[in-house]
Each structure stands twice: as structure tokens, then as C-alpha cells.
Amino acid sequence: MSAFSGAFGMVFGSIGLLFAAFGIGMLVLGARKSSEYKRLFREGQVAEARCLETYIVHRHSPDAPTSSQRRLIVAFRTVDGRDARAEVVSRHPYVAGDVVPVRYLPERPDRAVAAEATPGLGVFSCLFGGVMVILTCVGLGFAAIGFGVAAFIGMN
């Protein structure tokens, strides 16, 4: 019986570590994306892009109302003369042929964003970060309990 309990404790602890690793990984990914987004608006080059195509993506959820997002395929010339294309999200109703102001980083023009004022990401970022911190703490708690049980059973 004690060998089974010790193995169960190890599995329980390992699953806890997986949850903690996932939470930490998502926190790092979120911090990197946020940093890149802030850098884009702080240091990014501005260009006049031509809208090539526009489409709307609908997200359906049984529990929430349907949300829509307008996406544009734009083409522009970078400051150093390279032609670039990007897919950007916009709240304005652009159509093919319209001029769209975009911001881009010189090393990644394919990741351009519409230069229009964007809604603040503060609330979403805080909620996401909080949930990931809680997930990490719960995972570490499960890992401590599981490995503690395995160590206690192994000592007896």
C-alpha cells in the first residue's frame, strides 16, 4: 500500500509542476507580447499602407455574445525601401484601396499594427496575469503536497 501511495504522491506532484510550468510560461509569453506591443508604439516606424483586402472574423460562444473583429491585409513600403505585407486589426471600416496608417518595427515589418489609437490592455493584462499567478501557486502547492506525501511515505 505504501509503494502505491508514494507513486501517487509523485504523480500528483509532477502534475502540480506541469501546472506551475504552464502558468510561468504563459506569464513570460504575456510579458514578451506586452513589451513588444509597447515597443511598437514607442519606437515603431509609421507608414502609409494600402488596404488590399478586408474581412471580418466572428467568434461564436454558447455562453457569450458573438464578437467580431475586422482584419485587413495591407501592403506598404518600409523606410529602407522593402515591400511588406501584414495582417492588421482595425476598428475603422476600411475597404480595399483605402490608405491605412500602420506602425511597424524595422526588423519585423510583417507584424505591423494599425496606427489608430487602441483600447487599453491594462484590465485584460491584469486579469490574465492574476489568473496565471494563481494557477502557478496552485500548481506549486499541489507539487509540494504530492512530493511531501511521497517523501513521508518513503521514510516509513
N, C-alpha and C. Protein backbone atom coordinates (compact mmCIF):
# COMPACT_ATOMS: atom_id res chain seq x y z
N MET A 1 0.82 -1.19 0.00
CA MET A 1 0.00 0.00 0.00
C MET A 1 0.86 1.26 0.00
N SER A 2 2.01 1.23 0.71
CA SER A 2 2.84 2.44 0.80
C SER A 2 3.54 2.75 -0.52
N ALA A 3 3.87 1.72 -1.30
CA ALA A 3 4.51 1.96 -2.60
C ALA A 3 3.52 2.65 -3.54
N PHE A 4 2.27 2.23 -3.48
CA PHE A 4 1.24 2.86 -4.30
C PHE A 4 1.03 4.31 -3.88
N SER A 5 1.00 4.56 -2.59
CA SER A 5 0.81 5.93 -2.08
C SER A 5 1.99 6.82 -2.47
N GLY A 6 3.19 6.28 -2.39
CA GLY A 6 4.38 7.04 -2.78
C GLY A 6 4.36 7.38 -4.26
N ALA A 7 3.96 6.42 -5.09
CA ALA A 7 3.87 6.66 -6.54
C ALA A 7 2.77 7.67 -6.84
N PHE A 8 1.64 7.56 -6.11
CA PHE A 8 0.56 8.52 -6.30
C PHE A 8 1.03 9.93 -5.93
N GLY A 9 1.78 10.04 -4.86
CA GLY A 9 2.32 11.34 -4.45
C GLY A 9 3.24 11.92 -5.51
N MET A 10 4.08 11.09 -6.12
CA MET A 10 4.99 11.56 -7.17
C MET A 10 4.21 12.03 -8.41
N VAL A 11 3.19 11.28 -8.80
CA VAL A 11 2.38 11.67 -9.95
C VAL A 11 1.64 12.97 -9.64
N PHE A 12 1.06 13.07 -8.45
CA PHE A 12 0.35 14.27 -8.03
C PHE A 12 1.28 15.48 -8.04
N GLY A 13 2.49 15.30 -7.52
CA GLY A 13 3.48 16.38 -7.52
C GLY A 13 3.92 16.76 -8.92
N SER A 14 4.09 15.78 -9.78
CA SER A 14 4.51 16.06 -11.15
C SER A 14 3.44 16.83 -11.92
N ILE A 15 2.18 16.48 -11.72
CA ILE A 15 1.09 17.21 -12.37
C ILE A 15 1.06 18.65 -11.85
N GLY A 16 1.29 18.83 -10.56
CA GLY A 16 1.37 20.17 -10.00
C GLY A 16 2.48 20.99 -10.63
N LEU A 17 3.64 20.35 -10.85
CA LEU A 17 4.74 21.05 -11.51
C LEU A 17 4.40 21.42 -12.95
N LEU A 18 3.65 20.55 -13.64
CA LEU A 18 3.23 20.87 -15.00
C LEU A 18 2.32 22.10 -15.02
N PHE A 19 1.39 22.18 -14.07
CA PHE A 19 0.52 23.35 -13.99
C PHE A 19 1.34 24.61 -13.70
N ALA A 20 2.29 24.50 -12.79
CA ALA A 20 3.13 25.65 -12.46
C ALA A 20 3.97 26.07 -13.67
N ALA A 21 4.52 25.12 -14.39
CA ALA A 21 5.33 25.44 -15.57
C ALA A 21 4.47 26.11 -16.65
N PHE A 22 3.24 25.64 -16.82
CA PHE A 22 2.34 26.26 -17.78
C PHE A 22 2.04 27.70 -17.37
N GLY A 23 1.74 27.92 -16.10
CA GLY A 23 1.46 29.27 -15.62
C GLY A 23 2.63 30.21 -15.81
N ILE A 24 3.83 29.73 -15.49
CA ILE A 24 5.03 30.56 -15.65
C ILE A 24 5.29 30.84 -17.13
N GLY A 25 5.13 29.83 -17.97
CA GLY A 25 5.32 30.01 -19.41
C GLY A 25 4.36 31.03 -19.99
N MET A 26 3.10 30.98 -19.57
CA MET A 26 2.11 31.94 -20.07
C MET A 26 2.41 33.34 -19.55
N LEU A 27 2.90 33.47 -18.33
CA LEU A 27 3.29 34.78 -17.81
C LEU A 27 4.44 35.37 -18.62
N VAL A 28 5.43 34.55 -18.94
CA VAL A 28 6.57 35.01 -19.73
C VAL A 28 6.11 35.40 -21.13
N LEU A 29 5.26 34.59 -21.74
CA LEU A 29 4.75 34.89 -23.07
C LEU A 29 3.95 36.20 -23.06
N GLY A 30 3.09 36.36 -22.07
CA GLY A 30 2.30 37.59 -21.97
C GLY A 30 3.18 38.82 -21.77
N ALA A 31 4.22 38.69 -20.95
CA ALA A 31 5.13 39.81 -20.73
C ALA A 31 5.88 40.17 -22.00
N ARG A 32 6.31 39.16 -22.76
CA ARG A 32 7.02 39.42 -24.01
C ARG A 32 6.12 40.12 -25.02
N LYS A 33 4.87 39.63 -25.16
CA LYS A 33 3.93 40.25 -26.11
C LYS A 33 3.62 41.69 -25.71
N SER A 34 3.41 41.91 -24.43
CA SER A 34 3.12 43.26 -23.95
C SER A 34 4.30 44.20 -24.19
N SER A 35 5.49 43.71 -23.94
CA SER A 35 6.70 44.51 -24.15
C SER A 35 6.88 44.84 -25.63
N GLU A 36 6.64 43.86 -26.49
CA GLU A 36 6.76 44.08 -27.94
C GLU A 36 5.73 45.09 -28.42
N TYR A 37 4.51 45.00 -27.90
CA TYR A 37 3.44 45.92 -28.28
C TYR A 37 3.77 47.35 -27.85
N LYS A 38 4.26 47.51 -26.62
CA LYS A 38 4.64 48.84 -26.14
C LYS A 38 5.80 49.40 -26.96
N ARG A 39 6.78 48.56 -27.28
CA ARG A 39 7.93 49.00 -28.07
C ARG A 39 7.48 49.42 -29.47
N LEU A 40 6.51 48.72 -30.01
CA LEU A 40 6.00 49.03 -31.34
C LEU A 40 5.42 50.44 -31.38
N PHE A 41 4.66 50.82 -30.36
CA PHE A 41 4.08 52.16 -30.35
C PHE A 41 5.06 53.22 -29.89
N ARG A 42 6.11 52.84 -29.17
CA ARG A 42 7.11 53.80 -28.71
C ARG A 42 8.16 54.07 -29.78
N GLU A 43 8.66 53.01 -30.43
CA GLU A 43 9.78 53.14 -31.36
C GLU A 43 9.44 52.80 -32.80
N GLY A 44 8.23 52.35 -33.07
CA GLY A 44 7.88 51.87 -34.40
C GLY A 44 7.84 52.96 -35.45
N GLN A 45 8.16 52.58 -36.66
CA GLN A 45 8.09 53.47 -37.81
C GLN A 45 6.64 53.58 -38.28
N VAL A 46 6.27 54.73 -38.79
CA VAL A 46 4.93 54.94 -39.33
C VAL A 46 5.00 54.86 -40.85
N ALA A 47 4.03 54.18 -41.43
CA ALA A 47 3.97 54.06 -42.89
C ALA A 47 2.52 54.18 -43.35
N GLU A 48 2.37 54.58 -44.59
CA GLU A 48 1.04 54.64 -45.21
C GLU A 48 0.88 53.34 -46.01
N ALA A 49 -0.02 52.51 -45.55
CA ALA A 49 -0.24 51.22 -46.21
C ALA A 49 -1.49 51.29 -47.06
N ARG A 50 -1.52 50.47 -48.07
CA ARG A 50 -2.69 50.37 -48.95
C ARG A 50 -3.45 49.10 -48.55
N CYS A 51 -4.73 49.22 -48.31
CA CYS A 51 -5.57 48.08 -47.95
C CYS A 51 -5.80 47.23 -49.20
N LEU A 52 -5.39 45.97 -49.14
CA LEU A 52 -5.58 45.07 -50.27
C LEU A 52 -6.86 44.26 -50.15
N GLU A 53 -7.17 43.89 -48.92
CA GLU A 53 -8.34 43.03 -48.68
C GLU A 53 -8.81 43.26 -47.25
N THR A 54 -10.10 43.10 -47.04
CA THR A 54 -10.66 43.24 -45.70
C THR A 54 -11.65 42.11 -45.46
N TYR A 55 -11.68 41.62 -44.24
CA TYR A 55 -12.65 40.59 -43.88
C TYR A 55 -12.93 40.67 -42.39
N ILE A 56 -14.00 40.03 -41.98
CA ILE A 56 -14.42 40.06 -40.58
C ILE A 56 -14.39 38.64 -40.04
N VAL A 57 -13.82 38.49 -38.85
CA VAL A 57 -13.78 37.21 -38.16
C VAL A 57 -14.80 37.26 -37.04
N HIS A 58 -15.71 36.29 -37.03
CA HIS A 58 -16.74 36.20 -35.99
C HIS A 58 -16.35 35.10 -35.01
N ARG A 59 -16.49 35.40 -33.75
CA ARG A 59 -16.22 34.39 -32.70
C ARG A 59 -17.55 34.06 -32.04
N HIS A 60 -17.91 32.79 -32.10
CA HIS A 60 -19.17 32.34 -31.51
C HIS A 60 -18.88 31.60 -30.21
N SER A 61 -19.67 31.89 -29.22
CA SER A 61 -19.53 31.21 -27.95
C SER A 61 -20.94 30.95 -27.41
N PRO A 62 -21.20 29.76 -26.90
CA PRO A 62 -22.55 29.49 -26.41
C PRO A 62 -22.91 30.32 -25.17
N ASP A 63 -21.90 30.73 -24.40
CA ASP A 63 -22.16 31.46 -23.16
C ASP A 63 -22.08 32.97 -23.30
N ALA A 64 -21.46 33.45 -24.36
CA ALA A 64 -21.23 34.89 -24.51
C ALA A 64 -21.78 35.35 -25.86
N PRO A 65 -22.02 36.64 -25.98
CA PRO A 65 -22.49 37.15 -27.28
C PRO A 65 -21.40 37.01 -28.34
N THR A 66 -21.82 36.99 -29.59
CA THR A 66 -20.89 36.87 -30.70
C THR A 66 -20.04 38.14 -30.80
N SER A 67 -18.74 37.96 -30.98
CA SER A 67 -17.86 39.12 -31.16
C SER A 67 -17.28 39.08 -32.56
N SER A 68 -17.03 40.25 -33.10
CA SER A 68 -16.50 40.36 -34.46
C SER A 68 -15.22 41.18 -34.44
N GLN A 69 -14.32 40.85 -35.33
CA GLN A 69 -13.06 41.57 -35.43
C GLN A 69 -12.78 41.83 -36.91
N ARG A 70 -12.53 43.11 -37.24
CA ARG A 70 -12.24 43.50 -38.62
C ARG A 70 -10.74 43.33 -38.86
N ARG A 71 -10.38 42.58 -39.89
CA ARG A 71 -8.98 42.37 -40.24
C ARG A 71 -8.72 42.87 -41.65
N LEU A 72 -7.53 43.42 -41.84
CA LEU A 72 -7.14 43.96 -43.13
C LEU A 72 -5.83 43.33 -43.57
N ILE A 73 -5.70 43.09 -44.84
CA ILE A 73 -4.42 42.74 -45.44
C ILE A 73 -3.92 44.03 -46.08
N VAL A 74 -2.76 44.49 -45.63
CA VAL A 74 -2.22 45.76 -46.13
C VAL A 74 -0.84 45.55 -46.73
N ALA A 75 -0.48 46.43 -47.64
CA ALA A 75 0.85 46.41 -48.25
C ALA A 75 1.43 47.82 -48.11
N PHE A 76 2.73 47.88 -47.82
CA PHE A 76 3.38 49.18 -47.67
C PHE A 76 4.86 49.04 -47.98
N ARG A 77 5.51 50.16 -48.11
CA ARG A 77 6.95 50.19 -48.36
C ARG A 77 7.62 50.70 -47.09
N THR A 78 8.64 49.97 -46.62
CA THR A 78 9.35 50.37 -45.42
C THR A 78 10.27 51.55 -45.72
N VAL A 79 10.82 52.12 -44.66
CA VAL A 79 11.72 53.28 -44.81
C VAL A 79 12.93 52.93 -45.66
N ASP A 80 13.43 51.69 -45.54
CA ASP A 80 14.60 51.28 -46.32
C ASP A 80 14.25 50.77 -47.71
N GLY A 81 12.98 50.89 -48.13
CA GLY A 81 12.60 50.58 -49.50
C GLY A 81 12.07 49.18 -49.74
N ARG A 82 11.95 48.35 -48.73
CA ARG A 82 11.42 47.00 -48.92
C ARG A 82 9.90 47.02 -48.97
N ASP A 83 9.33 46.16 -49.80
CA ASP A 83 7.88 45.99 -49.83
C ASP A 83 7.48 44.99 -48.75
N ALA A 84 6.42 45.30 -48.03
CA ALA A 84 5.98 44.43 -46.94
C ALA A 84 4.47 44.29 -46.97
N ARG A 85 4.00 43.17 -46.48
CA ARG A 85 2.57 42.90 -46.32
C ARG A 85 2.35 42.48 -44.87
N ALA A 86 1.18 42.83 -44.36
CA ALA A 86 0.84 42.47 -42.99
C ALA A 86 -0.66 42.33 -42.85
N GLU A 87 -1.06 41.58 -41.86
CA GLU A 87 -2.47 41.47 -41.49
C GLU A 87 -2.64 42.28 -40.22
N VAL A 88 -3.51 43.27 -40.27
CA VAL A 88 -3.73 44.15 -39.11
C VAL A 88 -5.19 44.10 -38.70
N VAL A 89 -5.43 44.44 -37.45
CA VAL A 89 -6.78 44.53 -36.91
C VAL A 89 -7.15 46.00 -36.83
N SER A 90 -8.35 46.33 -37.24
CA SER A 90 -8.79 47.72 -37.22
C SER A 90 -10.23 47.82 -36.76
N ARG A 91 -10.54 48.93 -36.09
CA ARG A 91 -11.92 49.20 -35.70
C ARG A 91 -12.62 50.06 -36.74
N HIS A 92 -11.86 50.65 -37.66
CA HIS A 92 -12.42 51.52 -38.69
C HIS A 92 -12.82 50.70 -39.91
N PRO A 93 -13.89 51.11 -40.59
CA PRO A 93 -14.38 50.33 -41.75
C PRO A 93 -13.61 50.63 -43.04
N TYR A 94 -12.37 50.21 -43.11
CA TYR A 94 -11.60 50.39 -44.34
C TYR A 94 -12.09 49.40 -45.40
N VAL A 95 -11.92 49.79 -46.66
CA VAL A 95 -12.23 48.91 -47.78
C VAL A 95 -10.98 48.81 -48.65
N ALA A 96 -10.98 47.87 -49.56
CA ALA A 96 -9.83 47.69 -50.45
C ALA A 96 -9.54 48.99 -51.20
N GLY A 97 -8.28 49.39 -51.20
CA GLY A 97 -7.86 50.62 -51.86
C GLY A 97 -7.63 51.78 -50.92
N ASP A 98 -8.18 51.73 -49.71
CA ASP A 98 -8.00 52.82 -48.74
C ASP A 98 -6.56 52.86 -48.24
N VAL A 99 -6.16 54.04 -47.82
CA VAL A 99 -4.84 54.22 -47.20
C VAL A 99 -5.01 54.03 -45.68
N VAL A 100 -4.19 53.16 -45.11
CA VAL A 100 -4.27 52.83 -43.69
C VAL A 100 -2.93 53.17 -43.05
N PRO A 101 -2.90 54.05 -42.06
CA PRO A 101 -1.63 54.30 -41.37
C PRO A 101 -1.29 53.11 -40.47
N VAL A 102 -0.06 52.63 -40.57
CA VAL A 102 0.39 51.49 -39.76
C VAL A 102 1.70 51.84 -39.06
N ARG A 103 1.99 51.09 -38.01
CA ARG A 103 3.27 51.17 -37.29
C ARG A 103 3.92 49.80 -37.38
N TYR A 104 5.25 49.81 -37.53
CA TYR A 104 5.98 48.55 -37.64
C TYR A 104 7.39 48.75 -37.08
N LEU A 105 7.99 47.65 -36.66
CA LEU A 105 9.39 47.67 -36.26
C LEU A 105 10.22 47.35 -37.49
N PRO A 106 11.33 48.05 -37.72
CA PRO A 106 12.12 47.84 -38.94
C PRO A 106 12.56 46.38 -39.15
N GLU A 107 12.81 45.65 -38.06
CA GLU A 107 13.25 44.25 -38.22
C GLU A 107 12.09 43.29 -38.46
N ARG A 108 10.85 43.72 -38.21
CA ARG A 108 9.68 42.86 -38.39
C ARG A 108 8.52 43.61 -39.03
N PRO A 109 8.63 44.05 -40.28
CA PRO A 109 7.53 44.80 -40.90
C PRO A 109 6.27 43.95 -41.12
N ASP A 110 6.42 42.62 -41.14
CA ASP A 110 5.26 41.76 -41.33
C ASP A 110 4.36 41.70 -40.10
N ARG A 111 4.80 42.28 -38.98
CA ARG A 111 4.00 42.31 -37.76
C ARG A 111 3.48 43.72 -37.48
N ALA A 112 3.16 44.44 -38.51
CA ALA A 112 2.66 45.81 -38.37
C ALA A 112 1.30 45.81 -37.69
N VAL A 113 0.95 46.95 -37.09
CA VAL A 113 -0.36 47.15 -36.49
C VAL A 113 -0.92 48.47 -37.00
N ALA A 114 -2.24 48.59 -36.99
CA ALA A 114 -2.86 49.85 -37.39
C ALA A 114 -2.44 50.93 -36.40
N ALA A 115 -2.11 52.10 -36.90
CA ALA A 115 -1.60 53.19 -36.06
C ALA A 115 -2.70 53.92 -35.30
N GLU A 116 -3.92 53.50 -35.45
CA GLU A 116 -5.02 54.14 -34.73
C GLU A 116 -4.89 53.88 -33.23
N ALA A 117 -5.51 54.73 -32.46
CA ALA A 117 -5.48 54.55 -31.01
C ALA A 117 -6.18 53.23 -30.67
N THR A 118 -5.54 52.44 -29.85
CA THR A 118 -6.08 51.14 -29.47
C THR A 118 -6.63 51.20 -28.06
N PRO A 119 -7.60 50.37 -27.76
CA PRO A 119 -8.11 50.35 -26.39
C PRO A 119 -7.04 49.82 -25.45
N GLY A 120 -7.06 50.29 -24.23
CA GLY A 120 -6.06 49.86 -23.26
C GLY A 120 -6.16 48.38 -22.96
N LEU A 121 -5.02 47.77 -22.82
CA LEU A 121 -4.96 46.35 -22.50
C LEU A 121 -4.74 46.13 -21.01
N GLY A 122 -4.80 47.18 -20.22
CA GLY A 122 -4.48 47.08 -18.81
C GLY A 122 -5.34 46.11 -18.04
N VAL A 123 -6.66 46.19 -18.18
CA VAL A 123 -7.56 45.34 -17.41
C VAL A 123 -7.37 43.88 -17.83
N PHE A 124 -7.34 43.63 -19.12
CA PHE A 124 -7.16 42.25 -19.59
C PHE A 124 -5.82 41.69 -19.15
N SER A 125 -4.77 42.49 -19.26
CA SER A 125 -3.44 42.02 -18.86
C SER A 125 -3.39 41.71 -17.38
N CYS A 126 -4.00 42.56 -16.57
CA CYS A 126 -4.01 42.32 -15.12
C CYS A 126 -4.79 41.06 -14.77
N LEU A 127 -5.94 40.87 -15.39
CA LEU A 127 -6.72 39.66 -15.13
C LEU A 127 -5.98 38.40 -15.58
N PHE A 128 -5.41 38.46 -16.77
CA PHE A 128 -4.66 37.32 -17.29
C PHE A 128 -3.47 37.00 -16.38
N GLY A 129 -2.72 38.04 -16.01
CA GLY A 129 -1.58 37.84 -15.12
C GLY A 129 -2.00 37.28 -13.78
N GLY A 130 -3.09 37.78 -13.24
CA GLY A 130 -3.57 37.28 -11.95
C GLY A 130 -3.97 35.82 -12.01
N VAL A 131 -4.68 35.44 -13.06
CA VAL A 131 -5.09 34.04 -13.22
C VAL A 131 -3.86 33.14 -13.36
N MET A 132 -2.86 33.58 -14.12
CA MET A 132 -1.66 32.77 -14.30
C MET A 132 -0.86 32.66 -12.99
N VAL A 133 -0.81 33.72 -12.20
CA VAL A 133 -0.13 33.65 -10.90
C VAL A 133 -0.85 32.68 -9.98
N ILE A 134 -2.19 32.73 -9.97
CA ILE A 134 -2.96 31.79 -9.14
C ILE A 134 -2.74 30.36 -9.61
N LEU A 135 -2.75 30.14 -10.92
CA LEU A 135 -2.51 28.80 -11.46
C LEU A 135 -1.13 28.30 -11.06
N THR A 136 -0.14 29.18 -11.14
CA THR A 136 1.22 28.79 -10.76
C THR A 136 1.29 28.43 -9.28
N CYS A 137 0.68 29.25 -8.44
CA CYS A 137 0.71 28.99 -6.99
C CYS A 137 -0.02 27.69 -6.65
N VAL A 138 -1.17 27.47 -7.27
CA VAL A 138 -1.91 26.23 -7.03
C VAL A 138 -1.08 25.03 -7.49
N GLY A 139 -0.45 25.14 -8.64
CA GLY A 139 0.40 24.06 -9.12
C GLY A 139 1.56 23.78 -8.19
N LEU A 140 2.20 24.83 -7.70
CA LEU A 140 3.31 24.64 -6.75
C LEU A 140 2.81 24.04 -5.44
N GLY A 141 1.60 24.43 -5.02
CA GLY A 141 1.01 23.83 -3.81
C GLY A 141 0.76 22.35 -3.99
N PHE A 142 0.17 21.98 -5.13
CA PHE A 142 -0.05 20.56 -5.42
C PHE A 142 1.27 19.80 -5.48
N ALA A 143 2.28 20.40 -6.08
CA ALA A 143 3.58 19.75 -6.17
C ALA A 143 4.17 19.54 -4.79
N ALA A 144 4.08 20.55 -3.93
CA ALA A 144 4.61 20.41 -2.57
C ALA A 144 3.88 19.32 -1.80
N ILE A 145 2.56 19.29 -1.91
CA ILE A 145 1.78 18.25 -1.21
C ILE A 145 2.13 16.88 -1.75
N GLY A 146 2.14 16.74 -3.09
CA GLY A 146 2.43 15.43 -3.69
C GLY A 146 3.81 14.93 -3.36
N PHE A 147 4.82 15.76 -3.52
CA PHE A 147 6.17 15.31 -3.22
C PHE A 147 6.37 15.13 -1.71
N GLY A 148 5.66 15.93 -0.93
CA GLY A 148 5.73 15.75 0.53
C GLY A 148 5.14 14.42 0.96
N VAL A 149 4.00 14.06 0.39
CA VAL A 149 3.38 12.76 0.69
C VAL A 149 4.31 11.64 0.25
N ALA A 150 4.90 11.77 -0.95
CA ALA A 150 5.79 10.71 -1.45
C ALA A 150 7.02 10.58 -0.54
N ALA A 151 7.57 11.70 -0.08
CA ALA A 151 8.74 11.65 0.81
C ALA A 151 8.38 11.08 2.17
N PHE A 152 7.20 11.46 2.69
CA PHE A 152 6.77 10.96 4.00
C PHE A 152 6.51 9.46 3.96
N ILE A 153 5.85 9.00 2.89
CA ILE A 153 5.57 7.56 2.74
C ILE A 153 6.87 6.79 2.55
N GLY A 154 7.81 7.39 1.80
CA GLY A 154 9.09 6.72 1.56
C GLY A 154 9.95 6.58 2.81
N MET A 155 9.76 7.49 3.77
CA MET A 155 10.54 7.43 5.01
C MET A 155 10.04 6.35 5.95
N ASN A 156 8.77 5.98 5.80
CA ASN A 156 8.20 4.97 6.70
C ASN A 156 8.44 3.56 6.22
